[in-house]
Amino acid sequence: MRNRLLILTSVVILSVLCACNVKPDAPDPDAFYVYDLSADMTHIEPCVYEPVSDLTDVSESVGMLLQRLIDGPSGGRLRSAIPNEITSVTYIIGSQTVGVNFDGSYDDIPQDRKLLCEAAVVRTLCSLDSVYAVSFSVEGQPLCDSQGIPVGLLTPDSFVENDGAMINAYERAELHLFFADESGQKLVEKAETVTYNSNISMDRLVVENIIQGPRSTDAFATINPATVVNSVTTRDGVCYVNLSKDYLNKITNVTDKVMLYSIVNSLTRLGNINKVQILIDGETNARLGEIELSKLFERNLEMID
């Protein structure tokens, strides 16, 4: 066990917290997992963990899991996802959130290692039913991206994987995405910071995050989450978005135009895209309600609230 300090600085329970059990998206729902670093330090992998208690107390559970991440696995090819340079880790319990604070040595760690560390902590702690999201700070100051913007709360969905591969080769970006307003008649713009696999293109990243839906509570999803992204390709300023037929199945009260322009306006916000074509399973002759998808669509500012 490495000689590093884990301190519970304060505990603030703002709501009734349920028992801490592994969530159903774990590799095996009957096992509990923590996420460790691969031997070549390129990705994180789930490792079965047998807790010494029943994980019913959220503060005790978080402390136990963080200590396990610090210590790393006992033997084998994996290693601790929390870098050795970090000598102090503290945490604060909130309402379905955990704030994790690192000492100043975190600033000197390479960016790819930072992102792997953050992903491992988030995925491990969010395996508890009582933890929805994790925030990070360094010496008490909120963790910021390369633009100086606070990263804020992170969930497992904040770390986008590519083609089902393990988290690898991270980058972080701020996307400007358009979702539905409460009426379903207009679009609202949301700036969301996402951490993603650098093998995925920005245009595909935008489409996948639109399908995933907003993280904020004052905006609403526009697209059936069952929609599969077959491909996204950009050539000469035109982005060709090939979606499964599930896209045509409306699941909310949003209008057809909101469904369409949530994608179009989000993609054209990237800067290198001027027009968008929506294909359904490779076909251009589909219709979304009364809208013919065979044409190229440009940004529609009138749709923005």
C-alpha atoms as a PDB file:
ATOM      1  CA  MET A   1       0.000   0.000   0.000  1.00  0.00           C
ATOM      2  CA  ARG A   2       1.385   3.414  -0.945  1.00  0.00           C
ATOM      3  CA  ASN A   3       1.751   5.953   1.823  1.00  0.00           C
ATOM      4  CA  ARG A   4      -0.787   8.475   0.623  1.00  0.00           C
ATOM      5  CA  LEU A   5      -3.329  10.378   2.650  1.00  0.00           C
ATOM      6  CA  LEU A   6      -7.066  10.106   2.182  1.00  0.00           C
ATOM      7  CA  ILE A   7      -9.059  12.575   4.278  1.00  0.00           C
ATOM      8  CA  LEU A   8     -12.784  13.097   4.648  1.00  0.00           C
ATOM      9  CA  THR A   9     -12.961  16.895   4.835  1.00  0.00           C
ATOM     10  CA  SER A  10     -16.692  17.252   5.352  1.00  0.00           C
ATOM     11  CA  VAL A  11     -19.925  15.426   4.759  1.00  0.00           C
ATOM     12  CA  VAL A  12     -23.055  17.144   3.516  1.00  0.00           C
ATOM     13  CA  ILE A  13     -26.041  14.881   2.920  1.00  0.00           C
ATOM     14  CA  LEU A  14     -28.773  16.914   1.250  1.00  0.00           C
ATOM     15  CA  SER A  15     -31.197  14.175   0.302  1.00  0.00           C
ATOM     16  CA  VAL A  16     -32.170  10.659   1.285  1.00  0.00           C
ATOM     17  CA  LEU A  17     -29.573   8.348  -0.251  1.00  0.00           C
ATOM     18  CA  CYS A  18     -30.433   4.810  -1.239  1.00  0.00           C
ATOM     19  CA  ALA A  19     -28.312   1.746  -0.671  1.00  0.00           C
ATOM     20  CA  CYS A  20     -25.128   1.570  -2.733  1.00  0.00           C
ATOM     21  CA  ASN A  21     -25.257  -1.208  -5.275  1.00  0.00           C
ATOM     22  CA  VAL A  22     -23.522  -1.769  -8.558  1.00  0.00           C
ATOM     23  CA  LYS A  23     -25.377  -0.263 -11.519  1.00  0.00           C
ATOM     24  CA  PRO A  24     -26.655  -2.419 -14.381  1.00  0.00           C
ATOM     25  CA  ASP A  25     -24.149  -1.172 -16.966  1.00  0.00           C
ATOM     26  CA  ALA A  26     -21.278  -2.945 -15.182  1.00  0.00           C
ATOM     27  CA  PRO A  27     -19.663  -5.834 -17.137  1.00  0.00           C
ATOM     28  CA  ASP A  28     -21.288  -8.282 -14.702  1.00  0.00           C
ATOM     29  CA  PRO A  29     -24.220  -6.944 -12.635  1.00  0.00           C
ATOM     30  CA  ASP A  30     -23.491  -9.513  -9.929  1.00  0.00           C
ATOM     31  CA  ALA A  31     -19.989  -8.145  -9.303  1.00  0.00           C
ATOM     32  CA  PHE A  32     -18.644  -4.791  -8.131  1.00  0.00           C
ATOM     33  CA  TYR A  33     -15.924  -3.102 -10.155  1.00  0.00           C
ATOM     34  CA  VAL A  34     -13.270  -0.464  -9.741  1.00  0.00           C
ATOM     35  CA  TYR A  35     -11.328   0.888 -12.707  1.00  0.00           C
ATOM     36  CA  ASP A  36      -7.559   0.468 -12.851  1.00  0.00           C
ATOM     37  CA  LEU A  37      -4.922   1.637 -15.307  1.00  0.00           C
ATOM     38  CA  SER A  38      -3.557  -0.718 -17.948  1.00  0.00           C
ATOM     39  CA  ALA A  39       0.115  -1.692 -17.785  1.00  0.00           C
ATOM     40  CA  ASP A  40       0.931   0.451 -20.828  1.00  0.00           C
ATOM     41  CA  MET A  41      -1.006   3.379 -19.303  1.00  0.00           C
ATOM     42  CA  THR A  42      -3.197   3.862 -22.385  1.00  0.00           C
ATOM     43  CA  HIS A  43      -6.638   2.976 -21.006  1.00  0.00           C
ATOM     44  CA  ILE A  44      -8.561   1.909 -17.924  1.00  0.00           C
ATOM     45  CA  GLU A  45     -10.077  -1.505 -17.304  1.00  0.00           C
ATOM     46  CA  PRO A  46     -12.704  -2.803 -14.855  1.00  0.00           C
ATOM     47  CA  CYS A  47     -11.368  -4.952 -12.040  1.00  0.00           C
ATOM     48  CA  VAL A  48     -13.601  -7.031  -9.772  1.00  0.00           C
ATOM     49  CA  TYR A  49     -13.586  -5.659  -6.230  1.00  0.00           C
ATOM     50  CA  GLU A  50     -14.873  -7.374  -3.128  1.00  0.00           C
ATOM     51  CA  PRO A  51     -15.742  -4.672  -0.554  1.00  0.00           C
ATOM     52  CA  VAL A  52     -15.125  -5.395   3.099  1.00  0.00           C
ATOM     53  CA  SER A  53     -18.502  -3.892   4.019  1.00  0.00           C
ATOM     54  CA  ASP A  54     -21.984  -3.928   2.497  1.00  0.00           C
ATOM     55  CA  LEU A  55     -21.580  -0.434   0.952  1.00  0.00           C
ATOM     56  CA  THR A  56     -24.715   0.960   2.575  1.00  0.00           C
ATOM     57  CA  ASP A  57     -23.040   4.057   4.042  1.00  0.00           C
ATOM     58  CA  VAL A  58     -22.195   6.479   1.243  1.00  0.00           C
ATOM     59  CA  SER A  59     -19.332   8.252   3.020  1.00  0.00           C
ATOM     60  CA  GLU A  60     -17.685   5.012   4.080  1.00  0.00           C
ATOM     61  CA  SER A  61     -18.199   3.540   0.609  1.00  0.00           C
ATOM     62  CA  VAL A  62     -16.643   6.502  -1.205  1.00  0.00           C
ATOM     63  CA  GLY A  63     -13.666   6.519   1.137  1.00  0.00           C
ATOM     64  CA  MET A  64     -13.162   2.774   0.694  1.00  0.00           C
ATOM     65  CA  LEU A  65     -13.318   2.989  -3.102  1.00  0.00           C
ATOM     66  CA  LEU A  66     -10.967   5.959  -3.308  1.00  0.00           C
ATOM     67  CA  GLN A  67      -8.483   4.180  -1.060  1.00  0.00           C
ATOM     68  CA  ARG A  68      -8.698   1.121  -3.313  1.00  0.00           C
ATOM     69  CA  LEU A  69      -8.010   3.312  -6.357  1.00  0.00           C
ATOM     70  CA  ILE A  70      -5.025   4.862  -4.583  1.00  0.00           C
ATOM     71  CA  ASP A  71      -3.587   1.501  -3.539  1.00  0.00           C
ATOM     72  CA  GLY A  72      -4.164  -0.062  -6.929  1.00  0.00           C
ATOM     73  CA  PRO A  73      -4.721  -3.763  -7.603  1.00  0.00           C
ATOM     74  CA  SER A  74      -2.749  -6.370  -5.709  1.00  0.00           C
ATOM     75  CA  GLY A  75      -0.545  -8.000  -8.297  1.00  0.00           C
ATOM     76  CA  GLY A  76      -1.408  -8.625 -11.911  1.00  0.00           C
ATOM     77  CA  ARG A  77      -0.799  -6.431 -14.928  1.00  0.00           C
ATOM     78  CA  LEU A  78      -2.935  -3.452 -13.896  1.00  0.00           C
ATOM     79  CA  ARG A  79      -1.821  -0.455 -11.853  1.00  0.00           C
ATOM     80  CA  SER A  80      -3.400   2.358  -9.861  1.00  0.00           C
ATOM     81  CA  ALA A  81      -5.244   4.885 -12.006  1.00  0.00           C
ATOM     82  CA  ILE A  82      -4.405   7.645  -9.492  1.00  0.00           C
ATOM     83  CA  PRO A  83      -0.831   8.741 -10.273  1.00  0.00           C
ATOM     84  CA  ASN A  84       1.902   8.133  -7.699  1.00  0.00           C
ATOM     85  CA  GLU A  85       2.757  11.828  -7.668  1.00  0.00           C
ATOM     86  CA  ILE A  86      -0.490  12.612  -5.864  1.00  0.00           C
ATOM     87  CA  THR A  87       0.089  12.390  -2.110  1.00  0.00           C
ATOM     88  CA  SER A  88      -3.226  13.745  -0.824  1.00  0.00           C
ATOM     89  CA  VAL A  89      -6.776  12.959  -1.890  1.00  0.00           C
ATOM     90  CA  THR A  90      -9.743  14.450  -0.050  1.00  0.00           C
ATOM     91  CA  TYR A  91     -13.442  14.252  -0.738  1.00  0.00           C
ATOM     92  CA  ILE A  92     -16.760  15.866   0.131  1.00  0.00           C
ATOM     93  CA  ILE A  93     -20.128  14.146  -0.080  1.00  0.00           C
ATOM     94  CA  GLY A  94     -23.029  16.130  -1.571  1.00  0.00           C
ATOM     95  CA  SER A  95     -26.502  15.334  -2.813  1.00  0.00           C
ATOM     96  CA  GLN A  96     -25.832  12.363  -5.117  1.00  0.00           C
ATOM     97  CA  THR A  97     -22.424  13.879  -5.889  1.00  0.00           C
ATOM     98  CA  VAL A  98     -18.867  13.547  -4.662  1.00  0.00           C
ATOM     99  CA  GLY A  99     -16.277  16.315  -4.795  1.00  0.00           C
ATOM    100  CA  VAL A 100     -12.733  14.902  -5.086  1.00  0.00           C
ATOM    101  CA  ASN A 101      -9.790  17.189  -4.342  1.00  0.00           C
ATOM    102  CA  PHE A 102      -6.163  16.472  -5.318  1.00  0.00           C
ATOM    103  CA  ASP A 103      -3.030  18.182  -4.067  1.00  0.00           C
ATOM    104  CA  GLY A 104      -1.088  20.573  -6.305  1.00  0.00           C
ATOM    105  CA  SER A 105       1.067  17.843  -7.839  1.00  0.00           C
ATOM    106  CA  TYR A 106      -1.919  16.998 -10.036  1.00  0.00           C
ATOM    107  CA  ASP A 107      -1.111  20.041 -12.190  1.00  0.00           C
ATOM    108  CA  ASP A 108       2.245  18.524 -13.208  1.00  0.00           C
ATOM    109  CA  ILE A 109       0.774  15.241 -14.457  1.00  0.00           C
ATOM    110  CA  PRO A 110       0.488  14.769 -18.260  1.00  0.00           C
ATOM    111  CA  GLN A 111      -2.966  15.503 -19.638  1.00  0.00           C
ATOM    112  CA  ASP A 112      -3.644  11.984 -20.859  1.00  0.00           C
ATOM    113  CA  ARG A 113      -2.912  10.570 -17.409  1.00  0.00           C
ATOM    114  CA  LYS A 114      -5.146  13.179 -15.800  1.00  0.00           C
ATOM    115  CA  LEU A 115      -8.040  12.194 -18.006  1.00  0.00           C
ATOM    116  CA  LEU A 116      -7.557   8.494 -17.368  1.00  0.00           C
ATOM    117  CA  CYS A 117      -7.452   9.197 -13.642  1.00  0.00           C
ATOM    118  CA  GLU A 118     -10.639  11.252 -13.783  1.00  0.00           C
ATOM    119  CA  ALA A 119     -12.407   8.593 -15.832  1.00  0.00           C
ATOM    120  CA  ALA A 120     -11.404   5.847 -13.397  1.00  0.00           C
ATOM    121  CA  VAL A 121     -12.589   7.830 -10.377  1.00  0.00           C
ATOM    122  CA  VAL A 122     -15.886   8.808 -12.008  1.00  0.00           C
ATOM    123  CA  ARG A 123     -16.705   5.325 -13.262  1.00  0.00           C
ATOM    124  CA  THR A 124     -15.792   3.720  -9.964  1.00  0.00           C
ATOM    125  CA  LEU A 125     -17.688   6.126  -7.687  1.00  0.00           C
ATOM    126  CA  CYS A 126     -20.719   6.294  -9.990  1.00  0.00           C
ATOM    127  CA  SER A 127     -21.064   2.533  -9.629  1.00  0.00           C
ATOM    128  CA  LEU A 128     -22.752   3.431  -6.349  1.00  0.00           C
ATOM    129  CA  ASP A 129     -26.479   4.053  -6.697  1.00  0.00           C
ATOM    130  CA  SER A 130     -26.121   7.022  -4.362  1.00  0.00           C
ATOM    131  CA  VAL A 131     -23.555   8.784  -6.589  1.00  0.00           C
ATOM    132  CA  TYR A 132     -24.704  10.313  -9.854  1.00  0.00           C
ATOM    133  CA  ALA A 133     -21.759  12.587 -10.656  1.00  0.00           C
ATOM    134  CA  VAL A 134     -18.271  13.585  -9.518  1.00  0.00           C
ATOM    135  CA  SER A 135     -16.528  16.959  -9.533  1.00  0.00           C
ATOM    136  CA  PHE A 136     -12.789  17.557  -9.220  1.00  0.00           C
ATOM    137  CA  SER A 137     -10.664  20.280  -7.702  1.00  0.00           C
ATOM    138  CA  VAL A 138      -6.954  20.896  -7.194  1.00  0.00           C
ATOM    139  CA  GLU A 139      -5.888  22.518  -3.933  1.00  0.00           C
ATOM    140  CA  GLY A 140      -9.524  23.525  -3.462  1.00  0.00           C
ATOM    141  CA  GLN A 141      -9.839  25.230  -6.871  1.00  0.00           C
ATOM    142  CA  PRO A 142     -12.249  23.761  -9.459  1.00  0.00           C
ATOM    143  CA  LEU A 143     -10.645  21.671 -12.176  1.00  0.00           C
ATOM    144  CA  CYS A 144     -10.619  23.614 -15.471  1.00  0.00           C
ATOM    145  CA  ASP A 145     -10.080  22.666 -19.100  1.00  0.00           C
ATOM    146  CA  SER A 146      -7.359  24.107 -21.345  1.00  0.00           C
ATOM    147  CA  GLN A 147      -9.496  27.222 -21.903  1.00  0.00           C
ATOM    148  CA  GLY A 148      -9.773  27.901 -18.184  1.00  0.00           C
ATOM    149  CA  ILE A 149     -13.436  26.836 -18.064  1.00  0.00           C
ATOM    150  CA  PRO A 150     -14.463  24.772 -15.003  1.00  0.00           C
ATOM    151  CA  VAL A 151     -15.161  21.176 -16.009  1.00  0.00           C
ATOM    152  CA  GLY A 152     -18.018  20.854 -13.511  1.00  0.00           C
ATOM    153  CA  LEU A 153     -19.837  17.630 -12.727  1.00  0.00           C
ATOM    154  CA  LEU A 154     -18.783  14.527 -14.633  1.00  0.00           C
ATOM    155  CA  THR A 155     -20.752  11.308 -15.098  1.00  0.00           C
ATOM    156  CA  PRO A 156     -19.707   8.076 -16.830  1.00  0.00           C
ATOM    157  CA  ASP A 157     -21.463   9.420 -19.934  1.00  0.00           C
ATOM    158  CA  SER A 158     -19.037  12.367 -19.937  1.00  0.00           C
ATOM    159  CA  PHE A 159     -16.352   9.995 -21.168  1.00  0.00           C
ATOM    160  CA  VAL A 160     -17.262   9.047 -24.706  1.00  0.00           C
ATOM    161  CA  GLU A 161     -15.885   5.787 -26.057  1.00  0.00           C
ATOM    162  CA  ASN A 162     -15.277   4.944 -29.680  1.00  0.00           C
ATOM    163  CA  ASP A 163     -16.781   1.773 -31.174  1.00  0.00           C
ATOM    164  CA  GLY A 164     -17.092   0.184 -27.747  1.00  0.00           C
ATOM    165  CA  ALA A 165     -13.346   0.368 -27.064  1.00  0.00           C
ATOM    166  CA  MET A 166     -11.987   1.092 -23.621  1.00  0.00           C
ATOM    167  CA  ILE A 167     -11.373   4.719 -22.797  1.00  0.00           C
ATOM    168  CA  ASN A 168      -8.183   5.708 -24.545  1.00  0.00           C
ATOM    169  CA  ALA A 169      -6.343   8.715 -26.022  1.00  0.00           C
ATOM    170  CA  TYR A 170      -8.483  11.353 -24.343  1.00  0.00           C
ATOM    171  CA  GLU A 171      -9.227  14.861 -25.391  1.00  0.00           C
ATOM    172  CA  ARG A 172     -11.661  17.348 -23.915  1.00  0.00           C
ATOM    173  CA  ALA A 173     -13.819  19.769 -25.877  1.00  0.00           C
ATOM    174  CA  GLU A 174     -16.650  22.209 -25.363  1.00  0.00           C
ATOM    175  CA  LEU A 175     -19.563  21.514 -27.696  1.00  0.00           C
ATOM    176  CA  HIS A 176     -22.377  23.930 -28.461  1.00  0.00           C
ATOM    177  CA  LEU A 177     -25.420  21.720 -28.821  1.00  0.00           C
ATOM    178  CA  PHE A 178     -29.038  22.542 -29.574  1.00  0.00           C
ATOM    179  CA  PHE A 179     -31.846  20.796 -27.723  1.00  0.00           C
ATOM    180  CA  ALA A 180     -35.587  21.398 -27.396  1.00  0.00           C
ATOM    181  CA  ASP A 181     -37.141  23.971 -25.101  1.00  0.00           C
ATOM    182  CA  GLU A 182     -39.984  22.995 -22.787  1.00  0.00           C
ATOM    183  CA  SER A 183     -42.602  23.597 -25.477  1.00  0.00           C
ATOM    184  CA  GLY A 184     -40.842  21.403 -28.032  1.00  0.00           C
ATOM    185  CA  GLN A 185     -41.268  24.203 -30.580  1.00  0.00           C
ATOM    186  CA  LYS A 186     -37.887  25.927 -30.311  1.00  0.00           C
ATOM    187  CA  LEU A 187     -34.232  25.125 -29.764  1.00  0.00           C
ATOM    188  CA  VAL A 188     -32.023  26.178 -26.866  1.00  0.00           C
ATOM    189  CA  GLU A 189     -28.242  26.227 -27.096  1.00  0.00           C
ATOM    190  CA  LYS A 190     -26.225  24.465 -24.409  1.00  0.00           C
ATOM    191  CA  ALA A 191     -22.445  24.532 -23.997  1.00  0.00           C
ATOM    192  CA  GLU A 192     -21.342  21.137 -22.717  1.00  0.00           C
ATOM    193  CA  THR A 193     -17.808  20.009 -21.932  1.00  0.00           C
ATOM    194  CA  VAL A 194     -17.211  16.428 -23.004  1.00  0.00           C
ATOM    195  CA  THR A 195     -14.210  14.128 -22.711  1.00  0.00           C
ATOM    196  CA  TYR A 196     -13.852  11.859 -25.692  1.00  0.00           C
ATOM    197  CA  ASN A 197     -11.695   9.358 -27.506  1.00  0.00           C
ATOM    198  CA  SER A 198      -9.480  11.268 -29.940  1.00  0.00           C
ATOM    199  CA  ASN A 199     -10.162   8.634 -32.602  1.00  0.00           C
ATOM    200  CA  ILE A 200     -13.721   9.934 -32.965  1.00  0.00           C
ATOM    201  CA  SER A 201     -14.357  12.902 -35.264  1.00  0.00           C
ATOM    202  CA  MET A 202     -15.871  16.091 -33.913  1.00  0.00           C
ATOM    203  CA  ASP A 203     -18.855  15.894 -36.262  1.00  0.00           C
ATOM    204  CA  ARG A 204     -19.716  12.379 -35.075  1.00  0.00           C
ATOM    205  CA  LEU A 205     -19.140  13.459 -31.470  1.00  0.00           C
ATOM    206  CA  VAL A 206     -21.731  16.210 -31.910  1.00  0.00           C
ATOM    207  CA  VAL A 207     -24.326  13.838 -33.386  1.00  0.00           C
ATOM    208  CA  GLU A 208     -23.803  11.225 -30.664  1.00  0.00           C
ATOM    209  CA  ASN A 209     -24.168  13.839 -27.930  1.00  0.00           C
ATOM    210  CA  ILE A 210     -27.364  15.189 -29.473  1.00  0.00           C
ATOM    211  CA  ILE A 211     -28.815  11.674 -29.467  1.00  0.00           C
ATOM    212  CA  GLN A 212     -27.663  11.182 -25.882  1.00  0.00           C
ATOM    213  CA  GLY A 213     -29.631  14.256 -24.844  1.00  0.00           C
ATOM    214  CA  PRO A 214     -28.853  17.248 -22.619  1.00  0.00           C
ATOM    215  CA  ARG A 215     -27.215  17.015 -19.211  1.00  0.00           C
ATOM    216  CA  SER A 216     -29.015  20.111 -17.958  1.00  0.00           C
ATOM    217  CA  THR A 217     -32.598  20.091 -16.703  1.00  0.00           C
ATOM    218  CA  ASP A 218     -33.747  23.186 -18.615  1.00  0.00           C
ATOM    219  CA  ALA A 219     -33.398  21.572 -22.051  1.00  0.00           C
ATOM    220  CA  PHE A 220     -34.975  18.453 -23.520  1.00  0.00           C
ATOM    221  CA  ALA A 221     -33.978  15.605 -25.827  1.00  0.00           C
ATOM    222  CA  THR A 222     -34.914  15.863 -29.490  1.00  0.00           C
ATOM    223  CA  ILE A 223     -34.082  12.432 -30.884  1.00  0.00           C
ATOM    224  CA  ASN A 224     -35.071   8.859 -30.113  1.00  0.00           C
ATOM    225  CA  PRO A 225     -32.147   7.474 -28.036  1.00  0.00           C
ATOM    226  CA  ALA A 226     -32.457   4.166 -29.909  1.00  0.00           C
ATOM    227  CA  THR A 227     -31.139   5.924 -33.015  1.00  0.00           C
ATOM    228  CA  VAL A 228     -27.895   4.400 -34.263  1.00  0.00           C
ATOM    229  CA  VAL A 229     -25.227   6.531 -35.928  1.00  0.00           C
ATOM    230  CA  ASN A 230     -24.245   4.541 -39.017  1.00  0.00           C
ATOM    231  CA  SER A 231     -21.694   7.095 -40.162  1.00  0.00           C
ATOM    232  CA  VAL A 232     -20.883  10.800 -40.154  1.00  0.00           C
ATOM    233  CA  THR A 233     -18.721  12.222 -42.947  1.00  0.00           C
ATOM    234  CA  THR A 234     -17.829  15.801 -43.814  1.00  0.00           C
ATOM    235  CA  ARG A 235     -16.628  16.828 -47.272  1.00  0.00           C
ATOM    236  CA  ASP A 236     -16.275  20.326 -48.716  1.00  0.00           C
ATOM    237  CA  GLY A 237     -18.315  21.887 -45.926  1.00  0.00           C
ATOM    238  CA  VAL A 238     -21.175  19.386 -46.181  1.00  0.00           C
ATOM    239  CA  CYS A 239     -21.784  16.913 -43.350  1.00  0.00           C
ATOM    240  CA  TYR A 240     -23.516  13.668 -44.302  1.00  0.00           C
ATOM    241  CA  VAL A 241     -25.209  12.113 -41.273  1.00  0.00           C
ATOM    242  CA  ASN A 242     -26.331   8.525 -41.836  1.00  0.00           C
ATOM    243  CA  LEU A 243     -28.751   7.413 -39.103  1.00  0.00           C
ATOM    244  CA  SER A 244     -30.860   4.334 -38.485  1.00  0.00           C
ATOM    245  CA  LYS A 245     -34.599   4.461 -39.169  1.00  0.00           C
ATOM    246  CA  ASP A 246     -35.193   4.909 -35.424  1.00  0.00           C
ATOM    247  CA  TYR A 247     -34.484   8.589 -36.022  1.00  0.00           C
ATOM    248  CA  LEU A 248     -37.872   8.890 -37.732  1.00  0.00           C
ATOM    249  CA  ASN A 249     -39.707   7.601 -34.651  1.00  0.00           C
ATOM    250  CA  LYS A 250     -40.603  10.609 -32.546  1.00  0.00           C
ATOM    251  CA  ILE A 251     -40.620   9.919 -28.804  1.00  0.00           C
ATOM    252  CA  THR A 252     -41.379  13.364 -27.367  1.00  0.00           C
ATOM    253  CA  ASN A 253     -43.591  16.332 -28.144  1.00  0.00           C
ATOM    254  CA  VAL A 254     -40.889  18.047 -30.209  1.00  0.00           C
ATOM    255  CA  THR A 255     -41.702  19.163 -33.730  1.00  0.00           C
ATOM    256  CA  ASP A 256     -40.120  17.652 -36.825  1.00  0.00           C
ATOM    257  CA  LYS A 257     -38.207  20.883 -37.420  1.00  0.00           C
ATOM    258  CA  VAL A 258     -36.770  20.781 -33.906  1.00  0.00           C
ATOM    259  CA  MET A 259     -35.658  17.177 -34.483  1.00  0.00           C
ATOM    260  CA  LEU A 260     -33.974  18.177 -37.726  1.00  0.00           C
ATOM    261  CA  TYR A 261     -32.369  21.451 -36.723  1.00  0.00           C
ATOM    262  CA  SER A 262     -31.074  20.210 -33.396  1.00  0.00           C
ATOM    263  CA  ILE A 263     -28.611  18.255 -35.542  1.00  0.00           C
ATOM    264  CA  VAL A 264     -28.146  20.844 -38.285  1.00  0.00           C
ATOM    265  CA  ASN A 265     -27.596  23.823 -35.991  1.00  0.00           C
ATOM    266  CA  SER A 266     -25.265  21.857 -33.719  1.00  0.00           C
ATOM    267  CA  LEU A 267     -23.100  20.666 -36.608  1.00  0.00           C
ATOM    268  CA  THR A 268     -22.920  24.032 -38.345  1.00  0.00           C
ATOM    269  CA  ARG A 269     -21.798  25.502 -35.016  1.00  0.00           C
ATOM    270  CA  LEU A 270     -18.493  23.648 -35.483  1.00  0.00           C
ATOM    271  CA  GLY A 271     -17.325  26.171 -38.061  1.00  0.00           C
ATOM    272  CA  ASN A 272     -16.141  23.847 -40.827  1.00  0.00           C
ATOM    273  CA  ILE A 273     -19.668  22.722 -41.740  1.00  0.00           C
ATOM    274  CA  ASN A 274     -22.057  24.870 -43.769  1.00  0.00           C
ATOM    275  CA  LYS A 275     -24.716  22.342 -44.784  1.00  0.00           C
ATOM    276  CA  VAL A 276     -26.038  19.011 -43.515  1.00  0.00           C
ATOM    277  CA  GLN A 277     -27.711  16.089 -45.223  1.00  0.00           C
ATOM    278  CA  ILE A 278     -29.581  13.465 -43.213  1.00  0.00           C
ATOM    279  CA  LEU A 279     -29.605   9.936 -44.615  1.00  0.00           C
ATOM    280  CA  ILE A 280     -31.666   7.053 -43.232  1.00  0.00           C
ATOM    281  CA  ASP A 281     -29.811   3.751 -43.487  1.00  0.00           C
ATOM    282  CA  GLY A 282     -27.897   5.190 -46.422  1.00  0.00           C
ATOM    283  CA  GLU A 283     -30.982   6.417 -48.298  1.00  0.00           C
ATOM    284  CA  THR A 284     -31.591  10.081 -49.141  1.00  0.00           C
ATOM    285  CA  ASN A 285     -35.263   9.784 -50.106  1.00  0.00           C
ATOM    286  CA  ALA A 286     -36.699   9.499 -46.577  1.00  0.00           C
ATOM    287  CA  ARG A 287     -39.171  11.917 -45.025  1.00  0.00           C
ATOM    288  CA  LEU A 288     -39.342  13.262 -41.505  1.00  0.00           C
ATOM    289  CA  GLY A 289     -43.030  14.063 -41.251  1.00  0.00           C
ATOM    290  CA  GLU A 290     -43.574  16.658 -43.978  1.00  0.00           C
ATOM    291  CA  ILE A 291     -39.846  17.354 -44.358  1.00  0.00           C
ATOM    292  CA  GLU A 292     -38.062  15.778 -47.299  1.00  0.00           C
ATOM    293  CA  LEU A 293     -34.581  14.776 -46.193  1.00  0.00           C
ATOM    294  CA  SER A 294     -33.190  14.655 -49.742  1.00  0.00           C
ATOM    295  CA  LYS A 295     -32.093  18.325 -49.601  1.00  0.00           C
ATOM    296  CA  LEU A 296     -29.166  19.972 -47.884  1.00  0.00           C
ATOM    297  CA  PHE A 297     -30.034  21.964 -44.769  1.00  0.00           C
ATOM    298  CA  GLU A 298     -28.350  25.117 -43.480  1.00  0.00           C
ATOM    299  CA  ARG A 299     -28.388  26.670 -40.033  1.00  0.00           C
ATOM    300  CA  ASN A 300     -31.820  27.980 -39.027  1.00  0.00           C
ATOM    301  CA  LEU A 301     -31.522  30.856 -36.583  1.00  0.00           C
ATOM    302  CA  GLU A 302     -35.310  31.297 -36.399  1.00  0.00           C
ATOM    303  CA  MET A 303     -35.545  27.995 -34.534  1.00  0.00           C
ATOM    304  CA  ILE A 304     -33.443  29.283 -31.629  1.00  0.00           C
ATOM    305  CA  ASP A 305     -35.300  30.569 -28.592  1.00  0.00           C
END
